[in-house]
Amino acid sequence: MPLYELRNLTRRYGRAAGGRVALDGVTLTLDKGELVAILGTSGSGKSTLLNVLGALDRDYTGEVLLDGRELRGLTDDAAAALRQRTLGFVFQGFHLVPSWSVRQNVALPASFAPTPVADLAKRIDEALERVGLAGRGDDLPAALSGGQRQRVAIARALLLKPPVLLCDEPTGSLDHATGASILALFESLHRDEGFTVIRVTHEERVTAIARRVLRIEDGRLVDDRRQRPKESV
């Protein structure tokens, strides 16, 4: 069974006939264990597509199935439970709480878990070590560089060990060298631990390490290619 199945996915903002179409009849499948880049300019619909994949936006027509389950019909509670169990999110803006320590920020997903997370302290330490921030748990975000803050955000996404990472412009606010190190981290998570990684970007260079590149223009899927990824960007 594919991880995702999208059939004629259409997302329109505004109910009137003149409402803006953000996604226009997108049909595709995504398999477990893929490393995917979704490429498009600002306003192309790529972030809307990621929001639909993340069950954050369920106001669409067509079908979107995750592990065979249609997302549109989920209640808010069921969608939240699905996200917590299956999906980790990484955003361009980090979304860290400035007054909280690194450890507190990484622990945030556990506060929404329906039951207490076993071995929480150990999980936090493991996540920080995985992203190269062992020993920085007591620091505040202001003491970190942009790249380190993004690594904290990735550690937070890894805390509950979801099999899928959805990343919205994760290198968009970073310089080239720092962004390259973050991309290498995603490649490592995919290669060594089998994460499905789906990244949205407007940067051609970010697609270099992807094994599959989807290009979105004006809400339409205009290209879907597989490639041999480069070792560096």
Protein backbone atom coordinates (compact mmCIF):
# COMPACT_ATOMS: atom_id res chain seq x y z
CA MET A 1 0.00 0.00 0.00
CA PRO A 2 1.38 3.46 -0.84
CA LEU A 3 1.98 5.88 2.00
CA TYR A 4 -0.13 8.55 0.27
CA GLU A 5 -2.65 8.32 -2.53
CA LEU A 6 -3.95 11.59 -3.99
CA ARG A 7 -6.74 11.48 -6.55
CA ASN A 8 -7.86 14.67 -8.28
CA LEU A 9 -6.97 16.76 -5.22
CA THR A 10 -8.36 20.28 -5.60
CA ARG A 11 -8.16 23.05 -3.00
CA ARG A 12 -10.01 26.29 -3.62
CA TYR A 13 -9.90 29.34 -1.35
CA GLY A 14 -13.25 31.09 -1.38
CA ARG A 15 -16.54 29.47 -2.29
CA ALA A 16 -17.50 31.80 -5.11
CA ALA A 17 -16.83 30.89 -8.72
CA GLY A 18 -13.96 33.35 -8.74
CA GLY A 19 -12.24 31.80 -5.72
CA ARG A 20 -8.54 31.13 -6.05
CA VAL A 21 -7.56 27.58 -6.92
CA ALA A 22 -4.46 26.62 -4.92
CA LEU A 23 -4.36 22.96 -6.05
CA ASP A 24 -5.91 21.84 -9.30
CA GLY A 25 -6.53 18.14 -9.84
CA VAL A 26 -3.32 16.77 -8.33
CA THR A 27 -3.05 12.98 -8.65
CA LEU A 28 -0.03 11.05 -7.38
CA THR A 29 1.17 8.36 -5.00
CA LEU A 30 4.03 8.57 -2.51
CA ASP A 31 5.63 5.44 -1.11
CA LYS A 32 7.03 4.78 2.33
CA GLY A 33 10.73 5.52 2.64
CA GLU A 34 10.90 8.09 -0.15
CA LEU A 35 13.04 11.25 -0.07
CA VAL A 36 10.92 13.79 -1.94
CA ALA A 37 11.33 17.46 -2.82
CA ILE A 38 8.27 19.48 -3.83
CA LEU A 39 9.53 22.41 -5.89
CA GLY A 40 7.61 25.54 -6.78
CA THR A 41 7.65 29.31 -6.70
CA SER A 42 5.79 31.39 -4.13
CA GLY A 43 2.06 30.92 -4.59
CA SER A 44 2.42 27.76 -6.68
CA GLY A 45 0.48 25.62 -4.18
CA LYS A 46 3.38 23.63 -2.76
CA SER A 47 2.84 24.67 0.87
CA THR A 48 -0.89 24.05 0.51
CA LEU A 49 -0.05 20.56 -0.71
CA LEU A 50 2.16 19.98 2.33
CA ASN A 51 -0.62 21.19 4.63
CA VAL A 52 -3.00 18.70 3.04
CA LEU A 53 -0.46 15.89 3.39
CA GLY A 54 -0.12 16.84 7.05
CA ALA A 55 -3.89 16.74 7.67
CA LEU A 56 -3.66 20.42 8.65
CA ASP A 57 -5.94 21.38 5.76
CA ARG A 58 -8.85 19.04 5.07
CA ASP A 59 -11.09 21.47 3.17
CA TYR A 60 -10.49 19.98 -0.29
CA THR A 61 -12.24 17.96 -2.95
CA GLY A 62 -10.94 14.73 -4.41
CA GLU A 63 -9.31 12.07 -2.26
CA VAL A 64 -6.24 12.06 -0.02
CA LEU A 65 -5.44 8.76 1.65
CA LEU A 66 -2.69 8.26 4.22
CA ASP A 67 -2.02 4.57 4.84
CA GLY A 68 -5.35 3.90 3.15
CA ARG A 69 -7.30 6.29 5.37
CA GLU A 70 -9.11 9.26 3.83
CA LEU A 71 -8.08 12.46 5.62
CA ARG A 72 -11.01 14.71 4.79
CA GLY A 73 -13.49 12.77 6.92
CA LEU A 74 -11.38 12.77 10.09
CA THR A 75 -12.57 14.63 13.15
CA ASP A 76 -10.20 17.22 14.56
CA ASP A 77 -9.26 14.84 17.39
CA ALA A 78 -8.64 11.97 14.98
CA ALA A 79 -6.52 14.18 12.73
CA ALA A 80 -4.47 15.35 15.72
CA ALA A 81 -3.91 11.77 16.83
CA LEU A 82 -2.85 10.78 13.31
CA ARG A 83 -0.37 13.64 13.12
CA GLN A 84 1.08 12.78 16.49
CA ARG A 85 1.48 9.11 15.63
CA THR A 86 2.70 9.42 12.05
CA LEU A 87 3.98 12.89 11.16
CA GLY A 88 6.77 15.17 12.30
CA PHE A 89 6.78 18.80 11.13
CA VAL A 90 9.74 21.09 10.46
CA PHE A 91 9.13 24.72 9.45
CA GLN A 92 11.25 27.53 8.04
CA GLY A 93 10.69 29.73 11.09
CA PHE A 94 11.75 27.13 13.71
CA HIS A 95 8.77 27.99 15.99
CA LEU A 96 10.77 27.67 19.20
CA VAL A 97 9.59 29.22 22.46
CA PRO A 98 12.28 31.84 23.24
CA SER A 99 11.95 31.61 27.03
CA TRP A 100 12.18 27.83 27.08
CA SER A 101 15.36 25.79 27.14
CA VAL A 102 16.31 23.56 24.24
CA ARG A 103 15.15 20.53 26.21
CA GLN A 104 11.78 22.13 26.95
CA ASN A 105 11.29 22.97 23.28
CA VAL A 106 12.15 19.45 22.18
CA ALA A 107 9.76 18.03 24.79
CA LEU A 108 6.77 20.03 23.51
CA PRO A 109 5.11 17.21 21.48
CA ALA A 110 4.99 15.05 24.61
CA SER A 111 2.70 17.58 26.27
CA PHE A 112 0.02 16.84 23.67
CA ALA A 113 0.36 13.07 23.86
CA PRO A 114 -2.79 11.30 25.08
CA THR A 115 -0.72 9.28 27.54
CA PRO A 116 2.58 10.08 29.27
CA VAL A 117 5.61 9.48 27.06
CA ALA A 118 7.79 6.76 28.55
CA ASP A 119 11.48 7.58 29.05
CA LEU A 120 10.93 11.19 28.01
CA ALA A 121 14.29 12.45 29.28
CA LYS A 122 16.07 9.66 27.40
CA ARG A 123 14.16 10.43 24.22
CA ILE A 124 15.09 14.10 24.45
CA ASP A 125 18.76 13.25 24.89
CA GLU A 126 18.65 10.81 21.97
CA ALA A 127 16.96 13.35 19.70
CA LEU A 128 19.48 16.06 20.57
CA GLU A 129 22.38 13.70 20.03
CA ARG A 130 20.93 12.65 16.67
CA VAL A 131 20.91 16.24 15.41
CA GLY A 132 24.35 17.06 16.79
CA LEU A 133 23.30 19.11 19.83
CA ALA A 134 24.25 16.82 22.71
CA GLY A 135 25.09 18.94 25.74
CA ARG A 136 23.08 21.98 24.61
CA GLY A 137 19.82 21.06 26.31
CA ASP A 138 19.96 23.82 28.94
CA ASP A 139 20.65 26.62 26.45
CA LEU A 140 18.00 29.09 25.36
CA PRO A 141 17.31 29.46 21.62
CA ALA A 142 18.92 32.92 21.63
CA ALA A 143 22.27 31.29 22.43
CA LEU A 144 22.12 29.21 19.25
CA SER A 145 22.84 29.94 15.62
CA GLY A 146 20.10 29.69 13.00
CA GLY A 147 21.28 26.28 11.94
CA GLN A 148 21.35 25.05 15.53
CA ARG A 149 17.82 26.33 16.12
CA GLN A 150 16.66 24.41 13.08
CA ARG A 151 18.34 21.32 14.50
CA VAL A 152 16.35 21.83 17.71
CA ALA A 153 13.19 21.98 15.60
CA ILE A 154 14.19 18.73 13.88
CA ALA A 155 14.90 17.09 17.25
CA ARG A 156 11.42 18.15 18.36
CA ALA A 157 9.94 16.55 15.24
CA LEU A 158 11.83 13.33 15.99
CA LEU A 159 10.83 13.10 19.66
CA LEU A 160 7.82 10.80 19.23
CA LYS A 161 9.57 8.87 16.43
CA PRO A 162 7.07 9.47 13.62
CA PRO A 163 7.92 7.64 10.37
CA VAL A 164 7.25 10.69 8.17
CA LEU A 165 8.87 14.14 8.27
CA LEU A 166 7.09 17.00 6.48
CA CYS A 167 9.36 19.99 6.01
CA ASP A 168 8.24 23.42 4.79
CA GLU A 169 11.21 25.43 3.44
CA PRO A 170 13.49 24.06 6.20
CA THR A 171 16.57 25.85 4.80
CA GLY A 172 14.81 28.99 3.60
CA SER A 173 16.17 31.26 6.36
CA LEU A 174 19.68 29.76 6.44
CA ASP A 175 22.84 30.61 4.55
CA HIS A 176 24.07 28.20 1.89
CA ALA A 177 26.60 26.31 4.02
CA THR A 178 24.27 25.98 7.01
CA GLY A 179 21.41 24.95 4.76
CA ALA A 180 23.61 22.28 3.19
CA SER A 181 24.34 20.82 6.62
CA ILE A 182 20.61 20.63 7.38
CA LEU A 183 19.96 18.90 4.06
CA ALA A 184 22.72 16.42 4.87
CA LEU A 185 20.98 15.71 8.18
CA PHE A 186 17.71 14.94 6.38
CA GLU A 187 19.60 12.67 3.97
CA SER A 188 21.13 10.85 6.93
CA LEU A 189 17.75 10.41 8.63
CA HIS A 190 16.37 8.96 5.41
CA ARG A 191 19.35 6.75 4.57
CA ASP A 192 20.27 5.46 8.00
CA GLU A 193 16.91 5.30 9.77
CA GLY A 194 14.38 4.92 6.98
CA PHE A 195 12.40 8.12 7.52
CA THR A 196 10.12 9.24 4.73
CA VAL A 197 11.17 12.85 4.14
CA ILE A 198 8.97 15.23 2.12
CA ARG A 199 10.37 18.74 1.72
CA VAL A 200 8.80 21.81 0.16
CA THR A 201 11.18 24.35 -1.37
CA HIS A 202 11.51 27.10 -3.92
CA GLU A 203 15.26 26.47 -4.29
CA GLU A 204 16.50 24.26 -7.10
CA ARG A 205 19.63 23.36 -5.12
CA VAL A 206 17.55 21.81 -2.36
CA THR A 207 16.30 19.19 -4.82
CA ALA A 208 19.84 17.92 -5.43
CA ILE A 209 19.80 15.24 -2.72
CA ALA A 210 16.18 14.22 -3.33
CA ARG A 211 15.45 10.93 -5.00
CA ARG A 212 12.16 12.23 -6.36
CA VAL A 213 11.28 15.77 -7.40
CA LEU A 214 7.72 17.02 -7.84
CA ARG A 215 7.29 20.41 -9.52
CA ILE A 216 4.14 22.43 -8.84
CA GLU A 217 3.04 25.35 -11.03
CA ASP A 218 -0.23 27.24 -10.57
CA GLY A 219 -1.58 24.43 -8.44
CA ARG A 220 -0.86 21.72 -10.98
CA LEU A 221 1.66 18.91 -10.82
CA VAL A 222 3.71 19.55 -13.97
CA ASP A 223 6.69 17.26 -13.40
CA ASP A 224 7.41 14.12 -11.40
CA ARG A 225 10.91 12.75 -11.87
CA ARG A 226 13.16 10.32 -10.08
CA GLN A 227 16.88 10.93 -9.98
CA ARG A 228 20.14 9.79 -8.52
CA PRO A 229 20.79 12.24 -5.67
CA LYS A 230 24.03 14.17 -5.38
CA GLU A 231 26.17 13.65 -2.33
CA SER A 232 26.40 17.35 -1.52
CA VAL A 233 24.73 20.63 -2.39
